[in-house]
């Protein structure tokens, strides 16, 4: 009799795990479709690759024969704003993101600016 109880407990645990896995799989967002892509690799080691996806994300990167890399990637944030990051990279400096100053809010009073 104790063996049957152990089997029932084991089967119950397995069924519970399967139900949880099914629910987790349903919560996974559908894949993102790639609208455009480029992938060029040249004999000299230079390359260009990139993509644009239907969710607004993108990436483009090039490498010249000296190994200098330039690129940009972006995505749409949770507020619907396009976020972009440009970067360069080489053996001398490594990865260097290029940033732009944040815009000054119009809500700031003149006395708060001083």
C-alpha atoms as a PDB file:
ATOM      1  CA  UNK A   1       0.000   0.000   0.000  1.00  0.00           C
ATOM      2  CA  UNK A   2       2.748   2.569   0.804  1.00  0.00           C
ATOM      3  CA  UNK A   3       4.202   2.004  -2.697  1.00  0.00           C
ATOM      4  CA  UNK A   4       0.903   3.043  -4.303  1.00  0.00           C
ATOM      5  CA  UNK A   5       0.819   6.227  -2.226  1.00  0.00           C
ATOM      6  CA  UNK A   6       4.364   7.087  -3.328  1.00  0.00           C
ATOM      7  CA  UNK A   7       3.419   6.497  -6.978  1.00  0.00           C
ATOM      8  CA  UNK A   8       0.318   8.699  -6.604  1.00  0.00           C
ATOM      9  CA  UNK A   9       2.368  11.476  -5.000  1.00  0.00           C
ATOM     10  CA  UNK A  10       4.986  11.194  -7.757  1.00  0.00           C
ATOM     11  CA  UNK A  11       2.337  11.296 -10.503  1.00  0.00           C
ATOM     12  CA  UNK A  12       0.685  14.302  -8.854  1.00  0.00           C
ATOM     13  CA  UNK A  13       4.014  16.137  -8.752  1.00  0.00           C
ATOM     14  CA  UNK A  14       4.706  15.314 -12.408  1.00  0.00           C
ATOM     15  CA  UNK A  15       1.259  16.527 -13.481  1.00  0.00           C
ATOM     16  CA  UNK A  16       1.711  19.715 -11.465  1.00  0.00           C
ATOM     17  CA  UNK A  17       5.061  20.379 -13.159  1.00  0.00           C
ATOM     18  CA  UNK A  18       3.562  19.768 -16.591  1.00  0.00           C
ATOM     19  CA  UNK A  19       0.729  22.202 -15.906  1.00  0.00           C
ATOM     20  CA  UNK A  20       3.218  24.848 -14.708  1.00  0.00           C
ATOM     21  CA  UNK A  21       5.395  24.320 -17.785  1.00  0.00           C
ATOM     22  CA  UNK A  22       2.354  24.669 -20.060  1.00  0.00           C
ATOM     23  CA  UNK A  23       1.360  27.952 -18.417  1.00  0.00           C
ATOM     24  CA  UNK A  24       4.946  29.254 -18.595  1.00  0.00           C
ATOM     25  CA  UNK A  25       5.142  28.404 -22.302  1.00  0.00           C
ATOM     26  CA  UNK A  26       1.930  30.359 -22.919  1.00  0.00           C
ATOM     27  CA  UNK A  27       3.437  33.458 -21.236  1.00  0.00           C
ATOM     28  CA  UNK A  28       6.472  33.518 -23.543  1.00  0.00           C
ATOM     29  CA  UNK A  29       6.071  36.296 -26.122  1.00  0.00           C
ATOM     30  CA  UNK A  30       5.921  35.303 -29.746  1.00  0.00           C
ATOM     31  CA  UNK A  31       9.072  35.639 -31.807  1.00  0.00           C
ATOM     32  CA  UNK A  32      10.109  38.880 -33.400  1.00  0.00           C
ATOM     33  CA  UNK A  33      10.138  38.926 -37.183  1.00  0.00           C
ATOM     34  CA  UNK A  34      13.211  40.240 -38.960  1.00  0.00           C
ATOM     35  CA  UNK A  35      12.126  42.667 -41.690  1.00  0.00           C
ATOM     36  CA  UNK A  36      15.547  43.419 -43.186  1.00  0.00           C
ATOM     37  CA  UNK A  37      19.004  42.014 -42.679  1.00  0.00           C
ATOM     38  CA  UNK A  38      22.485  42.353 -44.100  1.00  0.00           C
ATOM     39  CA  UNK A  39      25.474  40.087 -43.604  1.00  0.00           C
ATOM     40  CA  UNK A  40      28.506  40.872 -45.738  1.00  0.00           C
ATOM     41  CA  UNK A  41      31.920  39.465 -44.872  1.00  0.00           C
ATOM     42  CA  UNK A  42      34.779  40.464 -47.139  1.00  0.00           C
ATOM     43  CA  UNK A  43      37.999  38.583 -47.880  1.00  0.00           C
ATOM     44  CA  UNK A  44      40.044  41.316 -46.157  1.00  0.00           C
ATOM     45  CA  UNK A  45      38.256  40.728 -42.817  1.00  0.00           C
ATOM     46  CA  UNK A  46      35.984  43.737 -43.011  1.00  0.00           C
ATOM     47  CA  UNK A  47      32.260  43.200 -42.582  1.00  0.00           C
ATOM     48  CA  UNK A  48      28.858  44.787 -42.360  1.00  0.00           C
ATOM     49  CA  UNK A  49      25.948  43.163 -40.619  1.00  0.00           C
ATOM     50  CA  UNK A  50      22.658  44.277 -39.230  1.00  0.00           C
ATOM     51  CA  UNK A  51      18.946  43.802 -38.983  1.00  0.00           C
ATOM     52  CA  UNK A  52      15.660  45.613 -38.517  1.00  0.00           C
ATOM     53  CA  UNK A  53      12.851  43.848 -36.658  1.00  0.00           C
ATOM     54  CA  UNK A  54       9.100  44.357 -36.561  1.00  0.00           C
ATOM     55  CA  UNK A  55       9.225  45.405 -32.891  1.00  0.00           C
ATOM     56  CA  UNK A  56      11.282  48.494 -33.804  1.00  0.00           C
ATOM     57  CA  UNK A  57      14.635  47.085 -32.717  1.00  0.00           C
ATOM     58  CA  UNK A  58      17.633  47.267 -35.031  1.00  0.00           C
ATOM     59  CA  UNK A  59      21.394  46.924 -35.202  1.00  0.00           C
ATOM     60  CA  UNK A  60      24.000  47.825 -37.807  1.00  0.00           C
ATOM     61  CA  UNK A  61      27.741  47.289 -37.444  1.00  0.00           C
ATOM     62  CA  UNK A  62      30.753  47.630 -39.735  1.00  0.00           C
ATOM     63  CA  UNK A  63      34.390  46.672 -39.306  1.00  0.00           C
ATOM     64  CA  UNK A  64      37.169  48.019 -41.501  1.00  0.00           C
ATOM     65  CA  UNK A  65      40.409  46.249 -42.464  1.00  0.00           C
ATOM     66  CA  UNK A  66      42.262  47.795 -39.495  1.00  0.00           C
ATOM     67  CA  UNK A  67      39.748  46.270 -37.084  1.00  0.00           C
ATOM     68  CA  UNK A  68      37.928  49.504 -36.235  1.00  0.00           C
ATOM     69  CA  UNK A  69      34.265  48.866 -35.522  1.00  0.00           C
ATOM     70  CA  UNK A  70      31.376  51.342 -35.697  1.00  0.00           C
ATOM     71  CA  UNK A  71      27.798  50.547 -35.003  1.00  0.00           C
ATOM     72  CA  UNK A  72      24.417  51.499 -33.688  1.00  0.00           C
ATOM     73  CA  UNK A  73      21.545  49.609 -32.113  1.00  0.00           C
ATOM     74  CA  UNK A  74      18.144  50.646 -30.912  1.00  0.00           C
ATOM     75  CA  UNK A  75      14.828  49.553 -29.521  1.00  0.00           C
ATOM     76  CA  UNK A  76      11.449  50.921 -28.520  1.00  0.00           C
ATOM     77  CA  UNK A  77      11.219  51.299 -24.742  1.00  0.00           C
ATOM     78  CA  UNK A  78       8.144  50.654 -22.592  1.00  0.00           C
ATOM     79  CA  UNK A  79       6.934  54.239 -23.115  1.00  0.00           C
ATOM     80  CA  UNK A  80       7.115  53.921 -26.907  1.00  0.00           C
ATOM     81  CA  UNK A  81      10.253  56.051 -27.277  1.00  0.00           C
ATOM     82  CA  UNK A  82      13.040  54.982 -29.619  1.00  0.00           C
ATOM     83  CA  UNK A  83      16.303  54.458 -27.734  1.00  0.00           C
ATOM     84  CA  UNK A  84      19.559  54.450 -29.755  1.00  0.00           C
ATOM     85  CA  UNK A  85      23.133  53.696 -28.831  1.00  0.00           C
ATOM     86  CA  UNK A  86      26.016  54.415 -31.193  1.00  0.00           C
ATOM     87  CA  UNK A  87      29.416  52.934 -30.482  1.00  0.00           C
ATOM     88  CA  UNK A  88      32.944  52.475 -31.740  1.00  0.00           C
ATOM     89  CA  UNK A  89      35.534  49.889 -30.794  1.00  0.00           C
ATOM     90  CA  UNK A  90      39.153  49.196 -31.596  1.00  0.00           C
ATOM     91  CA  UNK A  91      42.185  47.555 -30.029  1.00  0.00           C
ATOM     92  CA  UNK A  92      43.497  50.832 -28.632  1.00  0.00           C
ATOM     93  CA  UNK A  93      40.400  52.091 -26.877  1.00  0.00           C
ATOM     94  CA  UNK A  94      38.061  49.124 -26.592  1.00  0.00           C
ATOM     95  CA  UNK A  95      34.293  49.590 -26.653  1.00  0.00           C
ATOM     96  CA  UNK A  96      33.173  53.223 -26.499  1.00  0.00           C
ATOM     97  CA  UNK A  97      29.467  54.073 -26.474  1.00  0.00           C
ATOM     98  CA  UNK A  98      28.653  57.540 -27.788  1.00  0.00           C
ATOM     99  CA  UNK A  99      26.097  59.377 -25.735  1.00  0.00           C
ATOM    100  CA  UNK A 100      24.230  62.573 -26.300  1.00  0.00           C
ATOM    101  CA  UNK A 101      23.276  64.957 -23.490  1.00  0.00           C
ATOM    102  CA  UNK A 102      19.855  64.385 -21.979  1.00  0.00           C
ATOM    103  CA  UNK A 103      17.319  67.075 -22.923  1.00  0.00           C
ATOM    104  CA  UNK A 104      16.542  69.648 -20.254  1.00  0.00           C
ATOM    105  CA  UNK A 105      12.993  69.348 -18.993  1.00  0.00           C
ATOM    106  CA  UNK A 106      10.756  72.344 -19.618  1.00  0.00           C
ATOM    107  CA  UNK A 107       9.089  71.723 -16.233  1.00  0.00           C
ATOM    108  CA  UNK A 108      12.109  73.019 -14.303  1.00  0.00           C
ATOM    109  CA  UNK A 109      11.608  76.511 -12.876  1.00  0.00           C
ATOM    110  CA  UNK A 110      14.210  79.166 -13.613  1.00  0.00           C
ATOM    111  CA  UNK A 111      15.215  79.332  -9.926  1.00  0.00           C
ATOM    112  CA  UNK A 112      15.829  75.548  -9.897  1.00  0.00           C
ATOM    113  CA  UNK A 113      18.273  75.894 -12.786  1.00  0.00           C
ATOM    114  CA  UNK A 114      20.663  78.070 -10.794  1.00  0.00           C
END
